[in-house]
């Protein structure tokens, strides 16, 4: 979670997490840079993240496996 937006919340004692899609080197070289623009989004990965997050929230809410 280091160096993500969630860190500010975690430092205040608020539970937080981040979900990021990393490249083969394990980084996101556009993160919070002048190149961090919608043209660089991979909508397939964003949809996968959406499905992961909604399944996780359902699991938390209902206590059932997705």
N, C-alpha and C. Protein backbone atom coordinates (compact mmCIF):
# COMPACT_ATOMS: atom_id res chain seq x y z
N UNK A 1 0.82 -1.18 0.00
CA UNK A 1 0.00 0.00 0.00
C UNK A 1 0.87 1.25 0.00
N UNK A 2 2.15 1.11 0.13
CA UNK A 2 3.04 2.27 0.16
C UNK A 2 2.90 3.11 -1.09
N UNK A 3 2.89 4.42 -0.90
CA UNK A 3 2.86 5.38 -2.01
C UNK A 3 1.58 5.33 -2.83
N UNK A 4 0.46 4.96 -2.21
CA UNK A 4 -0.83 5.00 -2.89
C UNK A 4 -1.73 5.99 -2.16
N UNK A 5 -2.86 6.30 -2.76
CA UNK A 5 -3.81 7.21 -2.13
C UNK A 5 -4.33 6.65 -0.81
N UNK A 6 -4.39 5.34 -0.69
CA UNK A 6 -4.90 4.71 0.53
C UNK A 6 -3.99 4.96 1.73
N UNK A 7 -2.73 5.25 1.51
CA UNK A 7 -1.78 5.46 2.61
C UNK A 7 -2.21 6.61 3.52
N UNK A 8 -2.76 7.68 2.95
CA UNK A 8 -3.19 8.82 3.78
C UNK A 8 -4.28 8.39 4.76
N UNK A 9 -5.20 7.53 4.32
CA UNK A 9 -6.24 7.04 5.21
C UNK A 9 -5.65 6.10 6.26
N UNK A 10 -4.80 5.18 5.83
CA UNK A 10 -4.20 4.21 6.74
C UNK A 10 -3.41 4.90 7.85
N UNK A 11 -2.73 5.96 7.52
CA UNK A 11 -1.96 6.70 8.53
C UNK A 11 -2.86 7.32 9.60
N UNK A 12 -4.12 7.55 9.26
CA UNK A 12 -5.09 8.10 10.21
C UNK A 12 -5.87 7.00 10.93
N UNK A 13 -5.50 5.75 10.68
CA UNK A 13 -6.16 4.63 11.33
C UNK A 13 -7.42 4.16 10.64
N UNK A 14 -7.65 4.63 9.41
CA UNK A 14 -8.82 4.23 8.65
C UNK A 14 -8.42 3.09 7.72
N UNK A 15 -9.16 1.98 7.78
CA UNK A 15 -8.82 0.86 6.91
C UNK A 15 -8.94 1.29 5.46
N UNK A 16 -7.96 0.94 4.67
CA UNK A 16 -7.93 1.33 3.26
C UNK A 16 -7.16 0.30 2.46
N UNK A 17 -7.43 0.29 1.18
CA UNK A 17 -6.69 -0.59 0.27
C UNK A 17 -6.58 0.08 -1.09
N UNK A 18 -5.70 -0.43 -1.89
CA UNK A 18 -5.55 0.04 -3.27
C UNK A 18 -5.54 -1.16 -4.19
N UNK A 19 -6.03 -0.94 -5.38
CA UNK A 19 -6.01 -1.96 -6.41
C UNK A 19 -5.39 -1.33 -7.64
N UNK A 20 -4.28 -1.88 -8.08
CA UNK A 20 -3.56 -1.32 -9.21
C UNK A 20 -3.18 -2.42 -10.19
N UNK A 21 -3.18 -2.09 -11.46
CA UNK A 21 -2.70 -3.01 -12.49
C UNK A 21 -1.26 -2.61 -12.81
N UNK A 22 -0.34 -3.51 -12.57
CA UNK A 22 1.08 -3.23 -12.76
C UNK A 22 1.57 -3.81 -14.07
N UNK A 23 2.63 -3.21 -14.59
CA UNK A 23 3.23 -3.75 -15.81
C UNK A 23 4.17 -4.90 -15.47
N UNK A 24 4.88 -5.42 -16.45
CA UNK A 24 5.78 -6.56 -16.23
C UNK A 24 6.90 -6.27 -15.25
N UNK A 25 7.20 -4.99 -15.05
CA UNK A 25 8.25 -4.59 -14.10
C UNK A 25 7.71 -4.38 -12.69
N UNK A 26 6.39 -4.48 -12.54
CA UNK A 26 5.78 -4.29 -11.23
C UNK A 26 5.51 -2.84 -10.90
N UNK A 27 5.41 -1.98 -11.91
CA UNK A 27 5.17 -0.57 -11.67
C UNK A 27 4.06 -0.06 -12.60
N UNK A 28 3.61 1.14 -12.32
CA UNK A 28 2.69 1.88 -13.20
C UNK A 28 3.39 3.20 -13.47
N UNK A 29 4.02 3.31 -14.63
CA UNK A 29 4.86 4.48 -14.88
C UNK A 29 4.07 5.75 -15.22
N UNK A 30 2.74 5.64 -15.31
CA UNK A 30 1.93 6.85 -15.55
C UNK A 30 1.27 7.35 -14.27
N UNK A 31 1.40 6.63 -13.16
CA UNK A 31 0.70 6.93 -11.92
C UNK A 31 1.02 8.34 -11.42
N UNK A 32 0.01 9.17 -11.32
CA UNK A 32 0.13 10.55 -10.83
C UNK A 32 1.21 11.35 -11.56
N UNK A 33 1.28 11.16 -12.84
CA UNK A 33 2.23 11.93 -13.66
C UNK A 33 1.43 12.68 -14.73
N UNK A 34 2.11 13.47 -15.52
CA UNK A 34 1.44 14.20 -16.60
C UNK A 34 0.86 13.24 -17.65
N UNK A 35 1.31 11.98 -17.63
CA UNK A 35 0.79 10.96 -18.56
C UNK A 35 -0.36 10.16 -17.97
N UNK A 36 -0.80 10.51 -16.76
CA UNK A 36 -1.89 9.83 -16.08
C UNK A 36 -3.22 10.40 -16.60
N UNK A 37 -3.58 9.97 -17.82
CA UNK A 37 -4.75 10.51 -18.54
C UNK A 37 -5.62 9.36 -19.04
N UNK A 38 -6.90 9.62 -19.30
CA UNK A 38 -7.81 8.56 -19.75
C UNK A 38 -7.34 7.80 -20.98
N UNK A 39 -6.55 8.40 -21.84
CA UNK A 39 -6.08 7.71 -23.04
C UNK A 39 -5.23 6.48 -22.71
N UNK A 40 -4.66 6.43 -21.52
CA UNK A 40 -3.82 5.30 -21.13
C UNK A 40 -4.58 4.21 -20.37
N UNK A 41 -5.89 4.37 -20.21
CA UNK A 41 -6.66 3.37 -19.49
C UNK A 41 -6.87 2.12 -20.35
N UNK A 42 -6.82 0.99 -19.70
CA UNK A 42 -7.14 -0.29 -20.34
C UNK A 42 -8.51 -0.70 -19.79
N UNK A 43 -9.54 -0.51 -20.59
CA UNK A 43 -10.89 -0.74 -20.11
C UNK A 43 -11.18 -2.19 -19.80
N UNK A 44 -10.49 -3.11 -20.43
CA UNK A 44 -10.64 -4.53 -20.08
C UNK A 44 -10.16 -4.78 -18.67
N UNK A 45 -9.02 -4.22 -18.31
CA UNK A 45 -8.49 -4.37 -16.95
C UNK A 45 -9.40 -3.66 -15.95
N UNK A 46 -9.93 -2.51 -16.34
CA UNK A 46 -10.85 -1.79 -15.45
C UNK A 46 -12.11 -2.61 -15.18
N UNK A 47 -12.62 -3.29 -16.20
CA UNK A 47 -13.79 -4.14 -16.00
C UNK A 47 -13.46 -5.32 -15.09
N UNK A 48 -12.28 -5.91 -15.26
CA UNK A 48 -11.85 -6.99 -14.37
C UNK A 48 -11.78 -6.50 -12.92
N UNK A 49 -11.25 -5.29 -12.73
CA UNK A 49 -11.17 -4.70 -11.39
C UNK A 49 -12.56 -4.47 -10.81
N UNK A 50 -13.47 -4.00 -11.64
CA UNK A 50 -14.86 -3.80 -11.21
C UNK A 50 -15.46 -5.12 -10.72
N UNK A 51 -15.28 -6.18 -11.52
CA UNK A 51 -15.84 -7.48 -11.13
C UNK A 51 -15.21 -7.98 -9.84
N UNK A 52 -13.90 -7.81 -9.69
CA UNK A 52 -13.22 -8.22 -8.46
C UNK A 52 -13.77 -7.46 -7.26
N UNK A 53 -13.89 -6.15 -7.40
CA UNK A 53 -14.36 -5.32 -6.29
C UNK A 53 -15.80 -5.63 -5.92
N UNK A 54 -16.67 -5.81 -6.91
CA UNK A 54 -18.06 -6.10 -6.58
C UNK A 54 -18.20 -7.48 -5.93
N UNK A 55 -17.41 -8.45 -6.36
CA UNK A 55 -17.44 -9.78 -5.72
C UNK A 55 -16.93 -9.68 -4.29
N UNK A 56 -15.90 -8.90 -4.06
CA UNK A 56 -15.35 -8.72 -2.72
C UNK A 56 -16.37 -8.04 -1.81
N UNK A 57 -17.02 -7.00 -2.31
CA UNK A 57 -18.03 -6.30 -1.50
C UNK A 57 -19.22 -7.20 -1.20
N UNK A 58 -19.61 -8.02 -2.15
CA UNK A 58 -20.69 -8.98 -1.91
C UNK A 58 -20.28 -9.96 -0.83
N UNK A 59 -19.05 -10.41 -0.89
CA UNK A 59 -18.53 -11.33 0.13
C UNK A 59 -18.57 -10.68 1.51
N UNK A 60 -18.15 -9.44 1.61
CA UNK A 60 -18.17 -8.74 2.89
C UNK A 60 -19.61 -8.55 3.37
N UNK A 61 -20.47 -8.11 2.47
CA UNK A 61 -21.85 -7.81 2.82
C UNK A 61 -22.64 -9.05 3.20
N UNK A 62 -22.49 -10.11 2.44
CA UNK A 62 -23.29 -11.31 2.64
C UNK A 62 -22.56 -12.42 3.38
N UNK A 63 -21.24 -12.32 3.44
CA UNK A 63 -20.47 -13.37 4.09
C UNK A 63 -20.45 -14.67 3.29
N UNK A 64 -20.65 -14.57 1.99
CA UNK A 64 -20.65 -15.77 1.14
C UNK A 64 -19.53 -15.69 0.12
N UNK A 65 -19.09 -16.84 -0.30
CA UNK A 65 -18.08 -16.90 -1.34
C UNK A 65 -18.67 -16.42 -2.65
N UNK A 66 -17.90 -15.67 -3.45
CA UNK A 66 -18.42 -15.21 -4.76
C UNK A 66 -18.59 -16.36 -5.73
